[in-house]
Amino acid sequence: MENIITRIYELLKETENLIEFEEQVQLLMYDTFSNLIGEVFISINQVIKEKKQVENWKVERNDEKSIQFIFGDVR
């Protein structure tokens, strides 16, 4: 959370007008949300794998996946 606040503060200092600042903050938030949702899906996938391995299932592949959201890809 501190990194987000710090980055927003830096953007405010770097940008010359509020419209540009708003666009940059929006991109930052999209990237942040995308990363957080990606971490959630990775955790869910791990829990499912572990539960199925207890049932003697075997994981043969662990391909990277992506989901398209309004704010970008989540991997």
PDB file of N, CA and C in Angstrom:
ATOM      1  N   MET A   1       0.819  -1.186   0.000  1.00  0.00           N
ATOM      2  CA  MET A   1       0.000   0.000   0.000  1.00  0.00           C
ATOM      3  C   MET A   1       0.867   1.255   0.000  1.00  0.00           C
ATOM      4  N   GLU A   2       1.948   1.213   0.760  1.00  0.00           N
ATOM      5  CA  GLU A   2       2.842   2.355   0.810  1.00  0.00           C
ATOM      6  C   GLU A   2       3.435   2.662  -0.555  1.00  0.00           C
ATOM      7  N   ASN A   3       3.735   1.606  -1.320  1.00  0.00           N
ATOM      8  CA  ASN A   3       4.285   1.814  -2.655  1.00  0.00           C
ATOM      9  C   ASN A   3       3.299   2.543  -3.551  1.00  0.00           C
ATOM     10  N   ILE A   4       2.025   2.233  -3.436  1.00  0.00           N
ATOM     11  CA  ILE A   4       1.004   2.885  -4.256  1.00  0.00           C
ATOM     12  C   ILE A   4       0.924   4.365  -3.905  1.00  0.00           C
ATOM     13  N   ILE A   5       0.896   4.660  -2.625  1.00  0.00           N
ATOM     14  CA  ILE A   5       0.816   6.055  -2.188  1.00  0.00           C
ATOM     15  C   ILE A   5       2.057   6.821  -2.637  1.00  0.00           C
ATOM     16  N   THR A   6       3.210   6.208  -2.479  1.00  0.00           N
ATOM     17  CA  THR A   6       4.452   6.841  -2.913  1.00  0.00           C
ATOM     18  C   THR A   6       4.434   7.091  -4.413  1.00  0.00           C
ATOM     19  N   ARG A   7       3.996   6.095  -5.168  1.00  0.00           N
ATOM     20  CA  ARG A   7       3.953   6.244  -6.631  1.00  0.00           C
ATOM     21  C   ARG A   7       2.954   7.335  -7.045  1.00  0.00           C
ATOM     22  N   ILE A   8       1.815   7.410  -6.395  1.00  0.00           N
ATOM     23  CA  ILE A   8       0.838   8.465  -6.707  1.00  0.00           C
ATOM     24  C   ILE A   8       1.435   9.835  -6.406  1.00  0.00           C
ATOM     25  N   TYR A   9       2.131   9.943  -5.297  1.00  0.00           N
ATOM     26  CA  TYR A   9       2.786  11.210  -4.945  1.00  0.00           C
ATOM     27  C   TYR A   9       3.817  11.589  -6.003  1.00  0.00           C
ATOM     28  N   GLU A  10       4.606  10.614  -6.461  1.00  0.00           N
ATOM     29  CA  GLU A  10       5.595  10.876  -7.505  1.00  0.00           C
ATOM     30  C   GLU A  10       4.920  11.313  -8.800  1.00  0.00           C
ATOM     31  N   LEU A  11       3.810  10.652  -9.148  1.00  0.00           N
ATOM     32  CA  LEU A  11       3.087  11.036 -10.358  1.00  0.00           C
ATOM     33  C   LEU A  11       2.570  12.461 -10.263  1.00  0.00           C
ATOM     34  N   LEU A  12       2.099  12.833  -9.109  1.00  0.00           N
ATOM     35  CA  LEU A  12       1.587  14.186  -8.904  1.00  0.00           C
ATOM     36  C   LEU A  12       2.695  15.214  -9.109  1.00  0.00           C
ATOM     37  N   LYS A  13       3.889  14.909  -8.623  1.00  0.00           N
ATOM     38  CA  LYS A  13       5.014  15.825  -8.804  1.00  0.00           C
ATOM     39  C   LYS A  13       5.487  15.856 -10.252  1.00  0.00           C
ATOM     40  N   GLU A  14       5.417  14.702 -10.953  1.00  0.00           N
ATOM     41  CA  GLU A  14       5.958  14.594 -12.305  1.00  0.00           C
ATOM     42  C   GLU A  14       5.049  15.177 -13.380  1.00  0.00           C
ATOM     43  N   THR A  15       3.753  15.094 -13.196  1.00  0.00           N
ATOM     44  CA  THR A  15       2.826  15.494 -14.250  1.00  0.00           C
ATOM     45  C   THR A  15       2.577  17.001 -14.215  1.00  0.00           C
ATOM     46  N   GLU A  16       2.303  17.525 -15.402  1.00  0.00           N
ATOM     47  CA  GLU A  16       2.138  18.967 -15.521  1.00  0.00           C
ATOM     48  C   GLU A  16       0.687  19.417 -15.422  1.00  0.00           C
ATOM     49  N   ASN A  17      -0.261  18.509 -15.651  1.00  0.00           N
ATOM     50  CA  ASN A  17      -1.664  18.902 -15.532  1.00  0.00           C
ATOM     51  C   ASN A  17      -2.467  17.765 -14.905  1.00  0.00           C
ATOM     52  N   LEU A  18      -3.628  18.101 -14.411  1.00  0.00           N
ATOM     53  CA  LEU A  18      -4.427  17.121 -13.669  1.00  0.00           C
ATOM     54  C   LEU A  18      -5.009  16.022 -14.556  1.00  0.00           C
ATOM     55  N   ILE A  19      -5.274  16.323 -15.809  1.00  0.00           N
ATOM     56  CA  ILE A  19      -5.802  15.291 -16.708  1.00  0.00           C
ATOM     57  C   ILE A  19      -4.756  14.213 -16.938  1.00  0.00           C
ATOM     58  N   GLU A  20      -3.526  14.626 -17.179  1.00  0.00           N
ATOM     59  CA  GLU A  20      -2.428  13.667 -17.348  1.00  0.00           C
ATOM     60  C   GLU A  20      -2.220  12.872 -16.056  1.00  0.00           C
ATOM     61  N   PHE A  21      -2.282  13.549 -14.921  1.00  0.00           N
ATOM     62  CA  PHE A  21      -2.142  12.873 -13.632  1.00  0.00           C
ATOM     63  C   PHE A  21      -3.228  11.816 -13.458  1.00  0.00           C
ATOM     64  N   GLU A  22      -4.474  12.185 -13.758  1.00  0.00           N
ATOM     65  CA  GLU A  22      -5.581  11.242 -13.623  1.00  0.00           C
ATOM     66  C   GLU A  22      -5.386  10.018 -14.516  1.00  0.00           C
ATOM     67  N   GLU A  23      -4.933  10.232 -15.735  1.00  0.00           N
ATOM     68  CA  GLU A  23      -4.690   9.109 -16.650  1.00  0.00           C
ATOM     69  C   GLU A  23      -3.597   8.199 -16.123  1.00  0.00           C
ATOM     70  N   GLN A  24      -2.539   8.786 -15.584  1.00  0.00           N
ATOM     71  CA  GLN A  24      -1.432   7.989 -15.051  1.00  0.00           C
ATOM     72  C   GLN A  24      -1.850   7.202 -13.805  1.00  0.00           C
ATOM     73  N   VAL A  25      -2.654   7.823 -12.947  1.00  0.00           N
ATOM     74  CA  VAL A  25      -3.141   7.121 -11.759  1.00  0.00           C
ATOM     75  C   VAL A  25      -4.066   5.982 -12.167  1.00  0.00           C
ATOM     76  N   GLN A  26      -4.891   6.216 -13.173  1.00  0.00           N
ATOM     77  CA  GLN A  26      -5.785   5.157 -13.654  1.00  0.00           C
ATOM     78  C   GLN A  26      -4.975   3.968 -14.165  1.00  0.00           C
ATOM     79  N   LEU A  27      -3.929   4.215 -14.936  1.00  0.00           N
ATOM     80  CA  LEU A  27      -3.070   3.131 -15.418  1.00  0.00           C
ATOM     81  C   LEU A  27      -2.394   2.408 -14.251  1.00  0.00           C
ATOM     82  N   LEU A  28      -1.939   3.161 -13.272  1.00  0.00           N
ATOM     83  CA  LEU A  28      -1.317   2.563 -12.093  1.00  0.00           C
ATOM     84  C   LEU A  28      -2.298   1.653 -11.360  1.00  0.00           C
ATOM     85  N   MET A  29      -3.532   2.113 -11.193  1.00  0.00           N
ATOM     86  CA  MET A  29      -4.547   1.323 -10.487  1.00  0.00           C
ATOM     87  C   MET A  29      -4.907   0.072 -11.292  1.00  0.00           C
ATOM     88  N   TYR A  30      -5.035   0.199 -12.610  1.00  0.00           N
ATOM     89  CA  TYR A  30      -5.319  -0.974 -13.444  1.00  0.00           C
ATOM     90  C   TYR A  30      -4.219  -2.014 -13.279  1.00  0.00           C
ATOM     91  N   ASP A  31      -2.976  -1.560 -13.309  1.00  0.00           N
ATOM     92  CA  ASP A  31      -1.850  -2.483 -13.155  1.00  0.00           C
ATOM     93  C   ASP A  31      -1.857  -3.118 -11.762  1.00  0.00           C
ATOM     94  N   THR A  32      -2.137  -2.325 -10.743  1.00  0.00           N
ATOM     95  CA  THR A  32      -2.189  -2.830  -9.368  1.00  0.00           C
ATOM     96  C   THR A  32      -3.300  -3.861  -9.202  1.00  0.00           C
ATOM     97  N   PHE A  33      -4.502  -3.540  -9.707  1.00  0.00           N
ATOM     98  CA  PHE A  33      -5.628  -4.473  -9.606  1.00  0.00           C
ATOM     99  C   PHE A  33      -5.329  -5.761 -10.358  1.00  0.00           C
ATOM    100  N   SER A  34      -4.734  -5.627 -11.523  1.00  0.00           N
ATOM    101  CA  SER A  34      -4.397  -6.800 -12.323  1.00  0.00           C
ATOM    102  C   SER A  34      -3.429  -7.710 -11.573  1.00  0.00           C
ATOM    103  N   ASN A  35      -2.417  -7.120 -10.962  1.00  0.00           N
ATOM    104  CA  ASN A  35      -1.444  -7.914 -10.198  1.00  0.00           C
ATOM    105  C   ASN A  35      -2.084  -8.587  -8.991  1.00  0.00           C
ATOM    106  N   LEU A  36      -2.945  -7.864  -8.290  1.00  0.00           N
ATOM    107  CA  LEU A  36      -3.595  -8.442  -7.106  1.00  0.00           C
ATOM    108  C   LEU A  36      -4.524  -9.590  -7.479  1.00  0.00           C
ATOM    109  N   ILE A  37      -5.300  -9.416  -8.520  1.00  0.00           N
ATOM    110  CA  ILE A  37      -6.208 -10.484  -8.955  1.00  0.00           C
ATOM    111  C   ILE A  37      -5.402 -11.685  -9.454  1.00  0.00           C
ATOM    112  N   GLY A  38      -4.297 -11.423 -10.126  1.00  0.00           N
ATOM    113  CA  GLY A  38      -3.426 -12.511 -10.552  1.00  0.00           C
ATOM    114  C   GLY A  38      -2.909 -13.315  -9.376  1.00  0.00           C
ATOM    115  N   GLU A  39      -2.523 -12.635  -8.309  1.00  0.00           N
ATOM    116  CA  GLU A  39      -2.053 -13.328  -7.099  1.00  0.00           C
ATOM    117  C   GLU A  39      -3.172 -14.161  -6.466  1.00  0.00           C
ATOM    118  N   VAL A  40      -4.391 -13.636  -6.491  1.00  0.00           N
ATOM    119  CA  VAL A  40      -5.535 -14.385  -5.948  1.00  0.00           C
ATOM    120  C   VAL A  40      -5.737 -15.670  -6.746  1.00  0.00           C
ATOM    121  N   PHE A  41      -5.709 -15.571  -8.066  1.00  0.00           N
ATOM    122  CA  PHE A  41      -5.909 -16.761  -8.895  1.00  0.00           C
ATOM    123  C   PHE A  41      -4.782 -17.774  -8.722  1.00  0.00           C
ATOM    124  N   ILE A  42      -3.571 -17.305  -8.550  1.00  0.00           N
ATOM    125  CA  ILE A  42      -2.443 -18.212  -8.301  1.00  0.00           C
ATOM    126  C   ILE A  42      -2.671 -18.963  -6.989  1.00  0.00           C
ATOM    127  N   SER A  43      -3.127 -18.250  -5.963  1.00  0.00           N
ATOM    128  CA  SER A  43      -3.389 -18.889  -4.668  1.00  0.00           C
ATOM    129  C   SER A  43      -4.519 -19.910  -4.770  1.00  0.00           C
ATOM    130  N   ILE A  44      -5.584 -19.543  -5.468  1.00  0.00           N
ATOM    131  CA  ILE A  44      -6.707 -20.470  -5.648  1.00  0.00           C
ATOM    132  C   ILE A  44      -6.242 -21.715  -6.394  1.00  0.00           C
ATOM    133  N   ASN A  45      -5.456 -21.528  -7.437  1.00  0.00           N
ATOM    134  CA  ASN A  45      -4.944 -22.660  -8.212  1.00  0.00           C
ATOM    135  C   ASN A  45      -4.103 -23.581  -7.328  1.00  0.00           C
ATOM    136  N   GLN A  46      -3.279 -23.000  -6.473  1.00  0.00           N
ATOM    137  CA  GLN A  46      -2.430 -23.801  -5.586  1.00  0.00           C
ATOM    138  C   GLN A  46      -3.267 -24.622  -4.613  1.00  0.00           C
ATOM    139  N   VAL A  47      -4.296 -24.019  -4.047  1.00  0.00           N
ATOM    140  CA  VAL A  47      -5.172 -24.728  -3.107  1.00  0.00           C
ATOM    141  C   VAL A  47      -5.869 -25.892  -3.815  1.00  0.00           C
ATOM    142  N   ILE A  48      -6.377 -25.645  -5.007  1.00  0.00           N
ATOM    143  CA  ILE A  48      -7.048 -26.715  -5.766  1.00  0.00           C
ATOM    144  C   ILE A  48      -6.080 -27.845  -6.071  1.00  0.00           C
ATOM    145  N   LYS A  49      -4.861 -27.490  -6.514  1.00  0.00           N
ATOM    146  CA  LYS A  49      -3.861 -28.523  -6.812  1.00  0.00           C
ATOM    147  C   LYS A  49      -3.562 -29.373  -5.587  1.00  0.00           C
ATOM    148  N   GLU A  50      -3.367 -28.721  -4.458  1.00  0.00           N
ATOM    149  CA  GLU A  50      -3.038 -29.463  -3.242  1.00  0.00           C
ATOM    150  C   GLU A  50      -4.175 -30.378  -2.817  1.00  0.00           C
ATOM    151  N   LYS A  51      -5.407 -29.906  -2.918  1.00  0.00           N
ATOM    152  CA  LYS A  51      -6.543 -30.746  -2.542  1.00  0.00           C
ATOM    153  C   LYS A  51      -6.668 -31.947  -3.467  1.00  0.00           C
ATOM    154  N   LYS A  52      -6.444 -31.747  -4.739  1.00  0.00           N
ATOM    155  CA  LYS A  52      -6.555 -32.854  -5.691  1.00  0.00           C
ATOM    156  C   LYS A  52      -5.382 -33.831  -5.552  1.00  0.00           C
ATOM    157  N   GLN A  53      -4.219 -33.328  -5.192  1.00  0.00           N
ATOM    158  CA  GLN A  53      -3.085 -34.228  -4.991  1.00  0.00           C
ATOM    159  C   GLN A  53      -3.320 -35.135  -3.792  1.00  0.00           C
ATOM    160  N   VAL A  54      -4.038 -34.657  -2.788  1.00  0.00           N
ATOM    161  CA  VAL A  54      -4.401 -35.489  -1.640  1.00  0.00           C
ATOM    162  C   VAL A  54      -5.294 -36.632  -2.110  1.00  0.00           C
ATOM    163  N   GLU A  55      -6.093 -36.386  -3.155  1.00  0.00           N
ATOM    164  CA  GLU A  55      -6.974 -37.412  -3.720  1.00  0.00           C
ATOM    165  C   GLU A  55      -6.253 -38.249  -4.768  1.00  0.00           C
ATOM    166  N   ASN A  56      -4.918 -38.193  -4.769  1.00  0.00           N
ATOM    167  CA  ASN A  56      -4.054 -38.958  -5.676  1.00  0.00           C
ATOM    168  C   ASN A  56      -4.145 -38.514  -7.131  1.00  0.00           C
ATOM    169  N   TRP A  57      -4.540 -37.284  -7.371  1.00  0.00           N
ATOM    170  CA  TRP A  57      -4.474 -36.734  -8.713  1.00  0.00           C
ATOM    171  C   TRP A  57      -3.030 -36.313  -8.969  1.00  0.00           C
ATOM    172  N   LYS A  58      -2.642 -36.314 -10.221  1.00  0.00           N
ATOM    173  CA  LYS A  58      -1.286 -35.932 -10.566  1.00  0.00           C
ATOM    174  C   LYS A  58      -1.337 -34.706 -11.491  1.00  0.00           C
ATOM    175  N   VAL A  59      -0.534 -33.693 -11.185  1.00  0.00           N
ATOM    176  CA  VAL A  59      -0.464 -32.503 -12.025  1.00  0.00           C
ATOM    177  C   VAL A  59       0.540 -32.770 -13.135  1.00  0.00           C
ATOM    178  N   GLU A  60       0.042 -32.766 -14.364  1.00  0.00           N
ATOM    179  CA  GLU A  60       0.928 -33.029 -15.491  1.00  0.00           C
ATOM    180  C   GLU A  60       1.453 -31.743 -16.125  1.00  0.00           C
ATOM    181  N   ARG A  61       0.647 -30.683 -16.067  1.00  0.00           N
ATOM    182  CA  ARG A  61       1.058 -29.416 -16.660  1.00  0.00           C
ATOM    183  C   ARG A  61       0.621 -28.272 -15.755  1.00  0.00           C
ATOM    184  N   ASN A  62       1.396 -27.234 -15.800  1.00  0.00           N
ATOM    185  CA  ASN A  62       1.043 -26.026 -15.058  1.00  0.00           C
ATOM    186  C   ASN A  62       1.268 -24.830 -15.975  1.00  0.00           C
ATOM    187  N   ASP A  63       0.462 -24.755 -17.042  1.00  0.00           N
ATOM    188  CA  ASP A  63       0.616 -23.708 -18.040  1.00  0.00           C
ATOM    189  C   ASP A  63       0.204 -22.353 -17.494  1.00  0.00           C
ATOM    190  N   GLU A  64       0.841 -21.321 -18.000  1.00  0.00           N
ATOM    191  CA  GLU A  64       0.450 -19.963 -17.635  1.00  0.00           C
ATOM    192  C   GLU A  64      -0.879 -19.644 -18.305  1.00  0.00           C
ATOM    193  N   LYS A  65      -1.734 -18.999 -17.574  1.00  0.00           N
ATOM    194  CA  LYS A  65      -3.057 -18.657 -18.082  1.00  0.00           C
ATOM    195  C   LYS A  65      -3.235 -17.152 -17.987  1.00  0.00           C
ATOM    196  N   SER A  66      -4.144 -16.618 -18.791  1.00  0.00           N
ATOM    197  CA  SER A  66      -4.466 -15.204 -18.672  1.00  0.00           C
ATOM    198  C   SER A  66      -5.963 -15.016 -18.835  1.00  0.00           C
ATOM    199  N   ILE A  67      -6.470 -14.000 -18.175  1.00  0.00           N
ATOM    200  CA  ILE A  67      -7.886 -13.657 -18.234  1.00  0.00           C
ATOM    201  C   ILE A  67      -7.966 -12.189 -18.612  1.00  0.00           C
ATOM    202  N   GLN A  68      -8.807 -11.873 -19.571  1.00  0.00           N
ATOM    203  CA  GLN A  68      -8.963 -10.485 -19.996  1.00  0.00           C
ATOM    204  C   GLN A  68     -10.033  -9.794 -19.160  1.00  0.00           C
ATOM    205  N   PHE A  69      -9.655  -8.737 -18.487  1.00  0.00           N
ATOM    206  CA  PHE A  69     -10.577  -7.912 -17.722  1.00  0.00           C
ATOM    207  C   PHE A  69     -10.651  -6.539 -18.380  1.00  0.00           C
ATOM    208  N   ILE A  70     -11.553  -5.732 -17.936  1.00  0.00           N
ATOM    209  CA  ILE A  70     -11.705  -4.389 -18.481  1.00  0.00           C
ATOM    210  C   ILE A  70     -10.430  -3.573 -18.287  1.00  0.00           C
ATOM    211  N   PHE A  71      -9.668  -3.888 -17.251  1.00  0.00           N
ATOM    212  CA  PHE A  71      -8.460  -3.111 -16.967  1.00  0.00           C
ATOM    213  C   PHE A  71      -7.192  -3.824 -17.409  1.00  0.00           C
ATOM    214  N   GLY A  72      -7.312  -4.906 -18.177  1.00  0.00           N
ATOM    215  CA  GLY A  72      -6.126  -5.551 -18.717  1.00  0.00           C
ATOM    216  C   GLY A  72      -6.071  -7.037 -18.425  1.00  0.00           C
ATOM    217  N   ASP A  73      -5.014  -7.664 -18.928  1.00  0.00           N
ATOM    218  CA  ASP A  73      -4.812  -9.099 -18.736  1.00  0.00           C
ATOM    219  C   ASP A  73      -4.405  -9.401 -17.307  1.00  0.00           C
ATOM    220  N   VAL A  74      -4.858 -10.549 -16.826  1.00  0.00           N
ATOM    221  CA  VAL A  74      -4.423 -11.065 -15.536  1.00  0.00           C
ATOM    222  C   VAL A  74      -3.774 -12.400 -15.812  1.00  0.00           C
ATOM    223  N   ARG A  75      -2.563 -12.583 -15.348  1.00  0.00           N
ATOM    224  CA  ARG A  75      -1.839 -13.847 -15.559  1.00  0.00           C
ATOM    225  C   ARG A  75      -1.496 -14.485 -14.262  1.00  0.00           C
TER     226      ARG A  75
END
